[in-house]
């Protein structure tokens, strides 16, 4: 498939979220981004935050055709989401490529639904830890950045889909700060696609969720915010707390913190954490939760 034809597979994704939804305060009640049609029946792959808790989804093709969609599934571990078109989109399905085969320096295109494909290059493939209890073992980073990154399609030179746009970040390159995009590799979809289509979720124990928003500073994990509805707040975690240990194991950075929490057991596990607050140490026991229990479930209209 040529790159020009692959770009025809990209659709705009618009969603409406109830005002009382768990994510409404952070992500808003009206969300707009992009997605890529990956099957001839109108199955669209997008970034999950666009459709989380959506009560209405609309898909718009480059030709202006508007079709209602159903928020089929959202995988919290990868961050990917699926929307099923409820009518004919009449656009070709893009071919899924192999994100492991693209490498630093490769020429790619990050294309959004606004018709503004950005010719870019892969500048890094490395671990990414997000403040919202999110970790990718190997994310893809591209430059220059596409300003409409959410759900944008990362297309390789063969016209294949190799990733879905998630964030715009800043990276220090050659002594200067540069805007780049973080892209979720499409290979993360392949082993879970059948489960998402048949169950709407993955057949595995959900990870423990704490409701802590954290950042890394000089190797230390610092709590930058705590969701007042989540387990960490109930256990007494506060903004500014430094996480030192999880289950008597020293924490070495944000990714290590997440791995130690997730290795503690499934959602519902009580997790002892040693924190430093005002130069004083204390232990808190957090009864973790399943994040999905806080989210409104997709409803077929």
C-alpha atoms as a PDB file:
ATOM      1  CA  UNK A   1       0.000   0.000   0.000  1.00  0.00           C
ATOM      2  CA  UNK A   2       1.347   3.430  -0.878  1.00  0.00           C
ATOM      3  CA  UNK A   3       1.595   6.130   1.781  1.00  0.00           C
ATOM      4  CA  UNK A   4      -1.003   8.229  -0.070  1.00  0.00           C
ATOM      5  CA  UNK A   5      -3.472   5.326   0.006  1.00  0.00           C
ATOM      6  CA  UNK A   6      -2.661   4.567   3.638  1.00  0.00           C
ATOM      7  CA  UNK A   7      -3.528   8.146   4.564  1.00  0.00           C
ATOM      8  CA  UNK A   8      -7.023   7.555   3.145  1.00  0.00           C
ATOM      9  CA  UNK A   9      -7.571   5.071   5.991  1.00  0.00           C
ATOM     10  CA  UNK A  10      -7.372   7.809   8.622  1.00  0.00           C
ATOM     11  CA  UNK A  11     -10.608   9.115  10.114  1.00  0.00           C
ATOM     12  CA  UNK A  12     -11.451  11.782  12.633  1.00  0.00           C
ATOM     13  CA  UNK A  13     -12.648  10.483  16.011  1.00  0.00           C
ATOM     14  CA  UNK A  14     -14.956  12.711  18.049  1.00  0.00           C
ATOM     15  CA  UNK A  15     -16.431  11.622  21.367  1.00  0.00           C
ATOM     16  CA  UNK A  16     -18.811  12.984  23.972  1.00  0.00           C
ATOM     17  CA  UNK A  17     -18.228  12.004  27.605  1.00  0.00           C
ATOM     18  CA  UNK A  18     -20.730  12.461  30.446  1.00  0.00           C
ATOM     19  CA  UNK A  19     -19.950  15.294  32.835  1.00  0.00           C
ATOM     20  CA  UNK A  20     -19.951  12.874  35.781  1.00  0.00           C
ATOM     21  CA  UNK A  21     -17.438  10.522  34.147  1.00  0.00           C
ATOM     22  CA  UNK A  22     -14.290   9.739  36.133  1.00  0.00           C
ATOM     23  CA  UNK A  23     -12.004  11.153  33.430  1.00  0.00           C
ATOM     24  CA  UNK A  24     -14.128  14.177  32.528  1.00  0.00           C
ATOM     25  CA  UNK A  25     -12.250  16.570  34.775  1.00  0.00           C
ATOM     26  CA  UNK A  26      -8.836  15.669  33.350  1.00  0.00           C
ATOM     27  CA  UNK A  27      -9.549  14.796  29.717  1.00  0.00           C
ATOM     28  CA  UNK A  28     -12.687  16.867  29.120  1.00  0.00           C
ATOM     29  CA  UNK A  29     -16.166  15.958  27.948  1.00  0.00           C
ATOM     30  CA  UNK A  30     -15.536  16.619  24.247  1.00  0.00           C
ATOM     31  CA  UNK A  31     -12.513  14.945  22.688  1.00  0.00           C
ATOM     32  CA  UNK A  32     -11.284  15.019  19.112  1.00  0.00           C
ATOM     33  CA  UNK A  33      -8.436  13.179  17.443  1.00  0.00           C
ATOM     34  CA  UNK A  34      -7.720  10.599  14.788  1.00  0.00           C
ATOM     35  CA  UNK A  35      -7.869   6.870  14.190  1.00  0.00           C
ATOM     36  CA  UNK A  36      -6.928   4.385  11.492  1.00  0.00           C
ATOM     37  CA  UNK A  37      -9.325   1.907   9.876  1.00  0.00           C
ATOM     38  CA  UNK A  38      -7.644  -1.490  10.280  1.00  0.00           C
ATOM     39  CA  UNK A  39     -10.392  -3.805   8.977  1.00  0.00           C
ATOM     40  CA  UNK A  40     -12.797  -3.617   6.079  1.00  0.00           C
ATOM     41  CA  UNK A  41     -15.766  -3.817   8.465  1.00  0.00           C
ATOM     42  CA  UNK A  42     -14.911  -0.351   9.837  1.00  0.00           C
ATOM     43  CA  UNK A  43     -12.834  -1.299  12.871  1.00  0.00           C
ATOM     44  CA  UNK A  44     -10.815   1.760  13.907  1.00  0.00           C
ATOM     45  CA  UNK A  45      -7.661   1.775  16.012  1.00  0.00           C
ATOM     46  CA  UNK A  46      -7.084   4.948  18.013  1.00  0.00           C
ATOM     47  CA  UNK A  47      -5.535   6.151  21.242  1.00  0.00           C
ATOM     48  CA  UNK A  48      -7.625   5.095  24.197  1.00  0.00           C
ATOM     49  CA  UNK A  49      -8.002   8.412  25.999  1.00  0.00           C
ATOM     50  CA  UNK A  50     -10.125   9.742  23.131  1.00  0.00           C
ATOM     51  CA  UNK A  51     -12.875   7.188  23.778  1.00  0.00           C
ATOM     52  CA  UNK A  52     -12.579   6.391  27.491  1.00  0.00           C
ATOM     53  CA  UNK A  53     -16.090   6.587  29.026  1.00  0.00           C
ATOM     54  CA  UNK A  54     -17.549   7.911  25.756  1.00  0.00           C
ATOM     55  CA  UNK A  55     -21.320   7.817  25.436  1.00  0.00           C
ATOM     56  CA  UNK A  56     -21.254   8.990  21.811  1.00  0.00           C
ATOM     57  CA  UNK A  57     -18.581   8.559  19.152  1.00  0.00           C
ATOM     58  CA  UNK A  58     -18.566   9.940  15.612  1.00  0.00           C
ATOM     59  CA  UNK A  59     -16.181   9.017  12.799  1.00  0.00           C
ATOM     60  CA  UNK A  60     -15.549  11.359   9.879  1.00  0.00           C
ATOM     61  CA  UNK A  61     -13.684  10.379   6.731  1.00  0.00           C
ATOM     62  CA  UNK A  62     -11.473  12.656   4.651  1.00  0.00           C
ATOM     63  CA  UNK A  63     -14.331  12.819   2.157  1.00  0.00           C
ATOM     64  CA  UNK A  64     -16.709  14.206   4.777  1.00  0.00           C
ATOM     65  CA  UNK A  65     -18.759  11.055   5.435  1.00  0.00           C
ATOM     66  CA  UNK A  66     -19.909  11.025   9.091  1.00  0.00           C
ATOM     67  CA  UNK A  67     -20.727   7.686  10.706  1.00  0.00           C
ATOM     68  CA  UNK A  68     -21.606   6.882  14.325  1.00  0.00           C
ATOM     69  CA  UNK A  69     -19.195   4.619  16.142  1.00  0.00           C
ATOM     70  CA  UNK A  70     -19.204   2.386  19.194  1.00  0.00           C
ATOM     71  CA  UNK A  71     -16.364   2.581  21.731  1.00  0.00           C
ATOM     72  CA  UNK A  72     -15.592  -1.105  21.615  1.00  0.00           C
ATOM     73  CA  UNK A  73     -12.587  -1.453  23.913  1.00  0.00           C
ATOM     74  CA  UNK A  74      -9.798   0.372  25.731  1.00  0.00           C
ATOM     75  CA  UNK A  75      -6.649  -1.413  26.851  1.00  0.00           C
ATOM     76  CA  UNK A  76      -5.146   0.516  29.746  1.00  0.00           C
ATOM     77  CA  UNK A  77      -1.770  -1.221  29.619  1.00  0.00           C
ATOM     78  CA  UNK A  78      -0.980  -0.287  26.007  1.00  0.00           C
ATOM     79  CA  UNK A  79      -3.175   2.817  25.899  1.00  0.00           C
ATOM     80  CA  UNK A  80      -4.810   1.703  22.641  1.00  0.00           C
ATOM     81  CA  UNK A  81      -8.524   1.845  21.913  1.00  0.00           C
ATOM     82  CA  UNK A  82     -10.903   0.358  19.347  1.00  0.00           C
ATOM     83  CA  UNK A  83     -13.998   1.907  17.778  1.00  0.00           C
ATOM     84  CA  UNK A  84     -16.445   0.001  15.596  1.00  0.00           C
ATOM     85  CA  UNK A  85     -18.076   2.062  12.855  1.00  0.00           C
ATOM     86  CA  UNK A  86     -21.852   1.565  12.864  1.00  0.00           C
ATOM     87  CA  UNK A  87     -22.146   2.364   9.165  1.00  0.00           C
ATOM     88  CA  UNK A  88     -20.151   2.238   5.954  1.00  0.00           C
ATOM     89  CA  UNK A  89     -17.004   4.356   5.965  1.00  0.00           C
ATOM     90  CA  UNK A  90     -16.023   3.469   2.391  1.00  0.00           C
ATOM     91  CA  UNK A  91     -12.302   3.880   3.027  1.00  0.00           C
ATOM     92  CA  UNK A  92      -9.582   1.243   2.630  1.00  0.00           C
ATOM     93  CA  UNK A  93      -8.220  -0.598   5.663  1.00  0.00           C
ATOM     94  CA  UNK A  94      -4.565   0.122   6.363  1.00  0.00           C
ATOM     95  CA  UNK A  95      -2.168  -2.801   6.627  1.00  0.00           C
ATOM     96  CA  UNK A  96      -0.700  -3.460  10.062  1.00  0.00           C
ATOM     97  CA  UNK A  97       3.082  -3.334   9.881  1.00  0.00           C
ATOM     98  CA  UNK A  98       5.752  -4.506  12.307  1.00  0.00           C
ATOM     99  CA  UNK A  99       6.821  -1.794  14.729  1.00  0.00           C
ATOM    100  CA  UNK A 100       9.844  -3.837  15.803  1.00  0.00           C
ATOM    101  CA  UNK A 101      11.272  -3.513  12.306  1.00  0.00           C
ATOM    102  CA  UNK A 102      11.383   0.293  12.251  1.00  0.00           C
ATOM    103  CA  UNK A 103      14.500   1.801  13.756  1.00  0.00           C
ATOM    104  CA  UNK A 104      16.052   5.083  14.784  1.00  0.00           C
ATOM    105  CA  UNK A 105      16.660   7.239  11.741  1.00  0.00           C
ATOM    106  CA  UNK A 106      13.937   5.643   9.615  1.00  0.00           C
ATOM    107  CA  UNK A 107      11.724   8.000   7.618  1.00  0.00           C
ATOM    108  CA  UNK A 108       8.056   7.825   8.630  1.00  0.00           C
ATOM    109  CA  UNK A 109       4.863   9.830   8.277  1.00  0.00           C
ATOM    110  CA  UNK A 110       2.669  10.783  11.249  1.00  0.00           C
ATOM    111  CA  UNK A 111      -0.691  11.541   9.669  1.00  0.00           C
ATOM    112  CA  UNK A 112      -3.812  12.910  11.331  1.00  0.00           C
ATOM    113  CA  UNK A 113      -7.409  13.243  10.191  1.00  0.00           C
ATOM    114  CA  UNK A 114      -7.005  16.932   9.376  1.00  0.00           C
ATOM    115  CA  UNK A 115      -5.025  16.101   6.245  1.00  0.00           C
ATOM    116  CA  UNK A 116      -1.731  17.370   7.598  1.00  0.00           C
ATOM    117  CA  UNK A 117       0.694  14.430   7.326  1.00  0.00           C
ATOM    118  CA  UNK A 118       4.047  15.254   8.862  1.00  0.00           C
ATOM    119  CA  UNK A 119       7.112  13.741   7.272  1.00  0.00           C
ATOM    120  CA  UNK A 120       9.273  12.755  10.204  1.00  0.00           C
ATOM    121  CA  UNK A 121      12.003  10.438  11.392  1.00  0.00           C
ATOM    122  CA  UNK A 122      12.251   8.090  14.333  1.00  0.00           C
ATOM    123  CA  UNK A 123      14.577   9.738  16.839  1.00  0.00           C
ATOM    124  CA  UNK A 124      14.384   7.118  19.592  1.00  0.00           C
ATOM    125  CA  UNK A 125      12.872   3.809  20.641  1.00  0.00           C
ATOM    126  CA  UNK A 126      13.003   3.519  24.405  1.00  0.00           C
ATOM    127  CA  UNK A 127      11.143   3.012  27.647  1.00  0.00           C
ATOM    128  CA  UNK A 128       8.485   5.549  28.566  1.00  0.00           C
ATOM    129  CA  UNK A 129       6.909   6.000  31.993  1.00  0.00           C
ATOM    130  CA  UNK A 130       3.866   8.279  32.244  1.00  0.00           C
ATOM    131  CA  UNK A 131       2.783  10.046  35.409  1.00  0.00           C
ATOM    132  CA  UNK A 132      -0.663   8.388  35.304  1.00  0.00           C
ATOM    133  CA  UNK A 133       0.678   4.883  36.223  1.00  0.00           C
ATOM    134  CA  UNK A 134       1.558   3.976  32.637  1.00  0.00           C
ATOM    135  CA  UNK A 135       4.624   2.270  31.233  1.00  0.00           C
ATOM    136  CA  UNK A 136       5.755   1.208  27.772  1.00  0.00           C
ATOM    137  CA  UNK A 137       8.823  -0.986  27.514  1.00  0.00           C
ATOM    138  CA  UNK A 138       9.678   0.529  24.132  1.00  0.00           C
ATOM    139  CA  UNK A 139       7.802   3.548  22.851  1.00  0.00           C
ATOM    140  CA  UNK A 140       8.544   5.196  19.501  1.00  0.00           C
ATOM    141  CA  UNK A 141       9.562   8.864  19.398  1.00  0.00           C
ATOM    142  CA  UNK A 142       9.389  10.924  16.200  1.00  0.00           C
ATOM    143  CA  UNK A 143      10.415  14.402  15.063  1.00  0.00           C
ATOM    144  CA  UNK A 144       9.337  16.914  13.875  1.00  0.00           C
ATOM    145  CA  UNK A 145       6.155  16.750  15.895  1.00  0.00           C
ATOM    146  CA  UNK A 146       2.630  16.628  14.535  1.00  0.00           C
ATOM    147  CA  UNK A 147       0.571  19.166  16.540  1.00  0.00           C
ATOM    148  CA  UNK A 148      -2.544  16.969  16.074  1.00  0.00           C
ATOM    149  CA  UNK A 149      -0.927  13.874  17.536  1.00  0.00           C
ATOM    150  CA  UNK A 150      -3.819  12.192  19.376  1.00  0.00           C
ATOM    151  CA  UNK A 151      -4.611   8.960  17.509  1.00  0.00           C
ATOM    152  CA  UNK A 152      -2.520   9.970  14.488  1.00  0.00           C
ATOM    153  CA  UNK A 153      -1.227   7.098  12.365  1.00  0.00           C
ATOM    154  CA  UNK A 154       2.495   6.393  12.189  1.00  0.00           C
ATOM    155  CA  UNK A 155       3.118   5.031   8.701  1.00  0.00           C
ATOM    156  CA  UNK A 156       6.336   3.444   7.490  1.00  0.00           C
ATOM    157  CA  UNK A 157       7.858   3.701   4.008  1.00  0.00           C
ATOM    158  CA  UNK A 158       5.830   0.680   2.850  1.00  0.00           C
ATOM    159  CA  UNK A 159       2.532   2.406   3.731  1.00  0.00           C
ATOM    160  CA  UNK A 160       1.937   0.197   6.770  1.00  0.00           C
ATOM    161  CA  UNK A 161       0.652   1.254  10.175  1.00  0.00           C
ATOM    162  CA  UNK A 162       3.382   0.893  12.813  1.00  0.00           C
ATOM    163  CA  UNK A 163       2.051   3.046  15.653  1.00  0.00           C
ATOM    164  CA  UNK A 164      -0.622   5.355  17.065  1.00  0.00           C
ATOM    165  CA  UNK A 165       0.190   8.867  18.289  1.00  0.00           C
ATOM    166  CA  UNK A 166      -0.216   9.461  22.008  1.00  0.00           C
ATOM    167  CA  UNK A 167       1.633  12.559  23.240  1.00  0.00           C
ATOM    168  CA  UNK A 168       3.712  15.574  22.360  1.00  0.00           C
ATOM    169  CA  UNK A 169       6.799  15.945  24.539  1.00  0.00           C
ATOM    170  CA  UNK A 170      10.020  17.882  24.596  1.00  0.00           C
ATOM    171  CA  UNK A 171      13.391  16.243  24.129  1.00  0.00           C
ATOM    172  CA  UNK A 172      16.827  17.780  24.464  1.00  0.00           C
ATOM    173  CA  UNK A 173      18.689  17.145  21.197  1.00  0.00           C
ATOM    174  CA  UNK A 174      21.995  18.694  20.228  1.00  0.00           C
ATOM    175  CA  UNK A 175      21.751  21.034  23.171  1.00  0.00           C
ATOM    176  CA  UNK A 176      18.329  22.404  22.180  1.00  0.00           C
ATOM    177  CA  UNK A 177      14.781  21.599  23.284  1.00  0.00           C
ATOM    178  CA  UNK A 178      12.703  20.049  20.508  1.00  0.00           C
ATOM    179  CA  UNK A 179       9.034  19.020  20.262  1.00  0.00           C
ATOM    180  CA  UNK A 180       8.608  15.319  19.541  1.00  0.00           C
ATOM    181  CA  UNK A 181       5.734  12.839  19.457  1.00  0.00           C
ATOM    182  CA  UNK A 182       5.474   9.688  21.556  1.00  0.00           C
ATOM    183  CA  UNK A 183       3.850   6.876  19.598  1.00  0.00           C
ATOM    184  CA  UNK A 184       2.442   3.571  20.884  1.00  0.00           C
ATOM    185  CA  UNK A 185       3.813   0.651  18.816  1.00  0.00           C
ATOM    186  CA  UNK A 186       1.159  -1.240  16.874  1.00  0.00           C
ATOM    187  CA  UNK A 187       2.792  -4.547  17.825  1.00  0.00           C
ATOM    188  CA  UNK A 188       1.197  -4.148  21.269  1.00  0.00           C
ATOM    189  CA  UNK A 189      -2.221  -4.583  19.649  1.00  0.00           C
ATOM    190  CA  UNK A 190      -1.584  -7.875  17.897  1.00  0.00           C
ATOM    191  CA  UNK A 191      -1.541 -10.300  20.858  1.00  0.00           C
ATOM    192  CA  UNK A 192      -4.585  -8.696  22.511  1.00  0.00           C
ATOM    193  CA  UNK A 193      -6.787  -7.906  19.503  1.00  0.00           C
ATOM    194  CA  UNK A 194      -8.862 -11.087  19.620  1.00  0.00           C
ATOM    195  CA  UNK A 195      -9.602 -10.613  23.327  1.00  0.00           C
ATOM    196  CA  UNK A 196     -10.580  -6.985  22.798  1.00  0.00           C
ATOM    197  CA  UNK A 197     -12.933  -7.924  19.964  1.00  0.00           C
ATOM    198  CA  UNK A 198     -14.576 -10.859  21.753  1.00  0.00           C
ATOM    199  CA  UNK A 199     -14.604  -9.633  25.359  1.00  0.00           C
ATOM    200  CA  UNK A 200     -13.974  -5.895  25.196  1.00  0.00           C
ATOM    201  CA  UNK A 201     -11.080  -6.464  27.612  1.00  0.00           C
ATOM    202  CA  UNK A 202      -7.989  -8.609  28.052  1.00  0.00           C
ATOM    203  CA  UNK A 203      -8.298 -12.013  29.727  1.00  0.00           C
ATOM    204  CA  UNK A 204      -5.827 -11.304  32.539  1.00  0.00           C
ATOM    205  CA  UNK A 205      -5.818 -10.070  36.105  1.00  0.00           C
ATOM    206  CA  UNK A 206      -6.043  -6.259  36.192  1.00  0.00           C
ATOM    207  CA  UNK A 207      -3.030  -4.424  37.524  1.00  0.00           C
ATOM    208  CA  UNK A 208      -3.236  -2.710  40.909  1.00  0.00           C
ATOM    209  CA  UNK A 209      -3.983   0.996  40.596  1.00  0.00           C
ATOM    210  CA  UNK A 210      -3.112   3.544  43.269  1.00  0.00           C
ATOM    211  CA  UNK A 211      -4.471   6.840  41.960  1.00  0.00           C
ATOM    212  CA  UNK A 212      -1.100   8.585  42.259  1.00  0.00           C
ATOM    213  CA  UNK A 213       0.312  10.996  39.687  1.00  0.00           C
ATOM    214  CA  UNK A 214       4.072  10.851  39.959  1.00  0.00           C
ATOM    215  CA  UNK A 215       7.196  12.280  38.380  1.00  0.00           C
ATOM    216  CA  UNK A 216      10.863  11.378  38.492  1.00  0.00           C
ATOM    217  CA  UNK A 217      13.410  13.870  39.757  1.00  0.00           C
ATOM    218  CA  UNK A 218      17.071  12.863  40.098  1.00  0.00           C
ATOM    219  CA  UNK A 219      16.009   9.221  40.315  1.00  0.00           C
ATOM    220  CA  UNK A 220      13.456   9.924  43.054  1.00  0.00           C
ATOM    221  CA  UNK A 221       9.724   9.369  42.577  1.00  0.00           C
ATOM    222  CA  UNK A 222       7.782  12.429  43.704  1.00  0.00           C
ATOM    223  CA  UNK A 223       4.002  12.557  44.050  1.00  0.00           C
ATOM    224  CA  UNK A 224       2.789  15.538  42.025  1.00  0.00           C
ATOM    225  CA  UNK A 225      -0.917  14.934  42.652  1.00  0.00           C
ATOM    226  CA  UNK A 226      -3.261  12.398  44.220  1.00  0.00           C
ATOM    227  CA  UNK A 227      -6.725  11.572  42.911  1.00  0.00           C
ATOM    228  CA  UNK A 228      -8.997  12.215  45.869  1.00  0.00           C
ATOM    229  CA  UNK A 229     -11.250   9.342  44.764  1.00  0.00           C
ATOM    230  CA  UNK A 230      -8.447   6.792  44.586  1.00  0.00           C
ATOM    231  CA  UNK A 231      -6.769   4.349  46.980  1.00  0.00           C
ATOM    232  CA  UNK A 232      -3.630   6.422  47.609  1.00  0.00           C
ATOM    233  CA  UNK A 233      -5.649   9.371  48.886  1.00  0.00           C
ATOM    234  CA  UNK A 234      -7.610   7.080  51.188  1.00  0.00           C
ATOM    235  CA  UNK A 235      -4.323   5.761  52.595  1.00  0.00           C
ATOM    236  CA  UNK A 236      -3.043   9.272  53.307  1.00  0.00           C
ATOM    237  CA  UNK A 237      -0.633   9.890  50.411  1.00  0.00           C
ATOM    238  CA  UNK A 238      -0.141  13.618  49.784  1.00  0.00           C
ATOM    239  CA  UNK A 239       1.251  15.828  47.062  1.00  0.00           C
ATOM    240  CA  UNK A 240       5.008  16.175  47.526  1.00  0.00           C
ATOM    241  CA  UNK A 241       5.531  12.766  49.131  1.00  0.00           C
ATOM    242  CA  UNK A 242       8.650  10.956  47.925  1.00  0.00           C
ATOM    243  CA  UNK A 243       8.236   7.218  47.338  1.00  0.00           C
ATOM    244  CA  UNK A 244      11.265   5.410  48.768  1.00  0.00           C
ATOM    245  CA  UNK A 245      10.266   1.713  49.045  1.00  0.00           C
ATOM    246  CA  UNK A 246       7.564  -0.665  47.880  1.00  0.00           C
ATOM    247  CA  UNK A 247       7.280  -3.814  50.030  1.00  0.00           C
ATOM    248  CA  UNK A 248      10.745  -3.183  51.543  1.00  0.00           C
ATOM    249  CA  UNK A 249      12.280  -2.894  48.062  1.00  0.00           C
ATOM    250  CA  UNK A 250      14.000   0.369  47.247  1.00  0.00           C
ATOM    251  CA  UNK A 251      12.479   2.311  44.355  1.00  0.00           C
ATOM    252  CA  UNK A 252      14.856   3.371  41.603  1.00  0.00           C
ATOM    253  CA  UNK A 253      12.919   5.706  39.330  1.00  0.00           C
ATOM    254  CA  UNK A 254       9.372   5.925  38.042  1.00  0.00           C
ATOM    255  CA  UNK A 255       9.398   2.823  35.829  1.00  0.00           C
ATOM    256  CA  UNK A 256      10.833   0.765  38.680  1.00  0.00           C
ATOM    257  CA  UNK A 257       8.115   2.073  40.999  1.00  0.00           C
ATOM    258  CA  UNK A 258       5.395   0.880  38.633  1.00  0.00           C
ATOM    259  CA  UNK A 259       7.013  -2.511  38.112  1.00  0.00           C
ATOM    260  CA  UNK A 260       7.286  -3.092  41.849  1.00  0.00           C
ATOM    261  CA  UNK A 261       3.651  -2.084  42.409  1.00  0.00           C
ATOM    262  CA  UNK A 262       2.403  -4.303  39.593  1.00  0.00           C
ATOM    263  CA  UNK A 263       4.535  -7.227  40.796  1.00  0.00           C
ATOM    264  CA  UNK A 264       2.798  -7.040  44.193  1.00  0.00           C
ATOM    265  CA  UNK A 265      -0.280  -8.882  42.926  1.00  0.00           C
ATOM    266  CA  UNK A 266      -3.554  -8.167  41.120  1.00  0.00           C
ATOM    267  CA  UNK A 267      -5.843  -5.224  41.728  1.00  0.00           C
ATOM    268  CA  UNK A 268      -7.095  -5.279  45.300  1.00  0.00           C
ATOM    269  CA  UNK A 269      -3.708  -6.202  46.752  1.00  0.00           C
ATOM    270  CA  UNK A 270      -2.630  -4.167  49.765  1.00  0.00           C
ATOM    271  CA  UNK A 271       0.704  -2.516  48.982  1.00  0.00           C
ATOM    272  CA  UNK A 272       2.978  -1.153  51.721  1.00  0.00           C
ATOM    273  CA  UNK A 273       4.895   1.935  50.598  1.00  0.00           C
ATOM    274  CA  UNK A 274       7.550   3.868  52.507  1.00  0.00           C
ATOM    275  CA  UNK A 275       7.385   7.581  51.821  1.00  0.00           C
ATOM    276  CA  UNK A 276       9.433  10.578  52.860  1.00  0.00           C
ATOM    277  CA  UNK A 277       7.482  13.662  53.863  1.00  0.00           C
ATOM    278  CA  UNK A 278       9.096  16.781  55.276  1.00  0.00           C
ATOM    279  CA  UNK A 279      12.321  14.767  55.736  1.00  0.00           C
ATOM    280  CA  UNK A 280      10.509  12.215  57.883  1.00  0.00           C
ATOM    281  CA  UNK A 281       9.837   8.603  56.886  1.00  0.00           C
ATOM    282  CA  UNK A 282       6.541   6.791  57.266  1.00  0.00           C
ATOM    283  CA  UNK A 283       4.913   3.621  55.997  1.00  0.00           C
ATOM    284  CA  UNK A 284       1.495   3.682  54.352  1.00  0.00           C
ATOM    285  CA  UNK A 285      -0.549   0.657  53.331  1.00  0.00           C
ATOM    286  CA  UNK A 286      -2.528   1.268  50.153  1.00  0.00           C
ATOM    287  CA  UNK A 287      -5.413  -1.060  49.296  1.00  0.00           C
ATOM    288  CA  UNK A 288      -5.075  -0.955  45.502  1.00  0.00           C
ATOM    289  CA  UNK A 289      -8.002  -0.953  43.079  1.00  0.00           C
ATOM    290  CA  UNK A 290      -8.860  -1.887  39.514  1.00  0.00           C
ATOM    291  CA  UNK A 291      -8.818   1.409  37.612  1.00  0.00           C
ATOM    292  CA  UNK A 292     -11.555   0.208  35.257  1.00  0.00           C
ATOM    293  CA  UNK A 293     -13.993  -0.046  38.193  1.00  0.00           C
ATOM    294  CA  UNK A 294     -14.007   3.764  38.299  1.00  0.00           C
ATOM    295  CA  UNK A 295     -14.793   4.171  34.591  1.00  0.00           C
ATOM    296  CA  UNK A 296     -18.167   4.226  32.865  1.00  0.00           C
ATOM    297  CA  UNK A 297     -18.575   1.237  30.575  1.00  0.00           C
ATOM    298  CA  UNK A 298     -19.261   1.614  26.827  1.00  0.00           C
ATOM    299  CA  UNK A 299     -22.964   1.466  25.970  1.00  0.00           C
ATOM    300  CA  UNK A 300     -24.125   0.418  22.512  1.00  0.00           C
ATOM    301  CA  UNK A 301     -26.488   3.114  21.322  1.00  0.00           C
END
